[in-house]
Every structure is written in structure tokens, then in C-alpha cells.
């Protein structure tokens, strides 16, 4: 295997990893950036305190790292597309008042 073939395979893998169904995904790229930042913060805390941080700090860094992707997926979950044209249950005139 030559270097050009390997780099093409890596580039194709990265293209697939950071896309949703073939479209570029900014939330995945932001999650990558947040993961790198969270990793550096974890290392910084470990160096400064000479030990590993507690579970709350680790959970907070994990939430920070995955927040962009989680928000994107949650917003897609609530994005309801109503393609139905059936409006027979909707009144077509003024709403009658009970008298």
C-alpha cells in the first residue's frame, strides 16, 4: 500500500465521520473541538492538583464536550414535518359559540 492510498482512505473516513448522511455536520466538528479542549482541561487539572479530578468535574467536562452534538440531535428530534394535506377535521368557517 502506498502513502497516497492510505491518506485517501483516511480522508474518506474523516469525511464520513464528520457528516450526517453525506452533509457536513458543524455540530460534530464543534464536539471535536470541545473534546480537545476538555481533554486539555483534564490534563491541566491533573497536573495542578497532582491527582485525577472527582466525578462531578469529569461529568461536567463530558457534558461540555458532547453538548453541541446533543443539542443538534435533540433539535432534530423535535423538528416535526407535517406533510399531510388532510384538513377535514378543521372547521372552515367561524367557530360556533355555545349559547
Foldseek 3Di string as FASTA:
>chain_A
DDPVVVVVVVVVVVQVQQADPNHGHVLSVQLVVLLVVLVVVQVVVCVVVVHGDDPVSVVVSVCSSNVSVVVVVVVVVPPDDDPDPDDPVPDPDDDDDDD
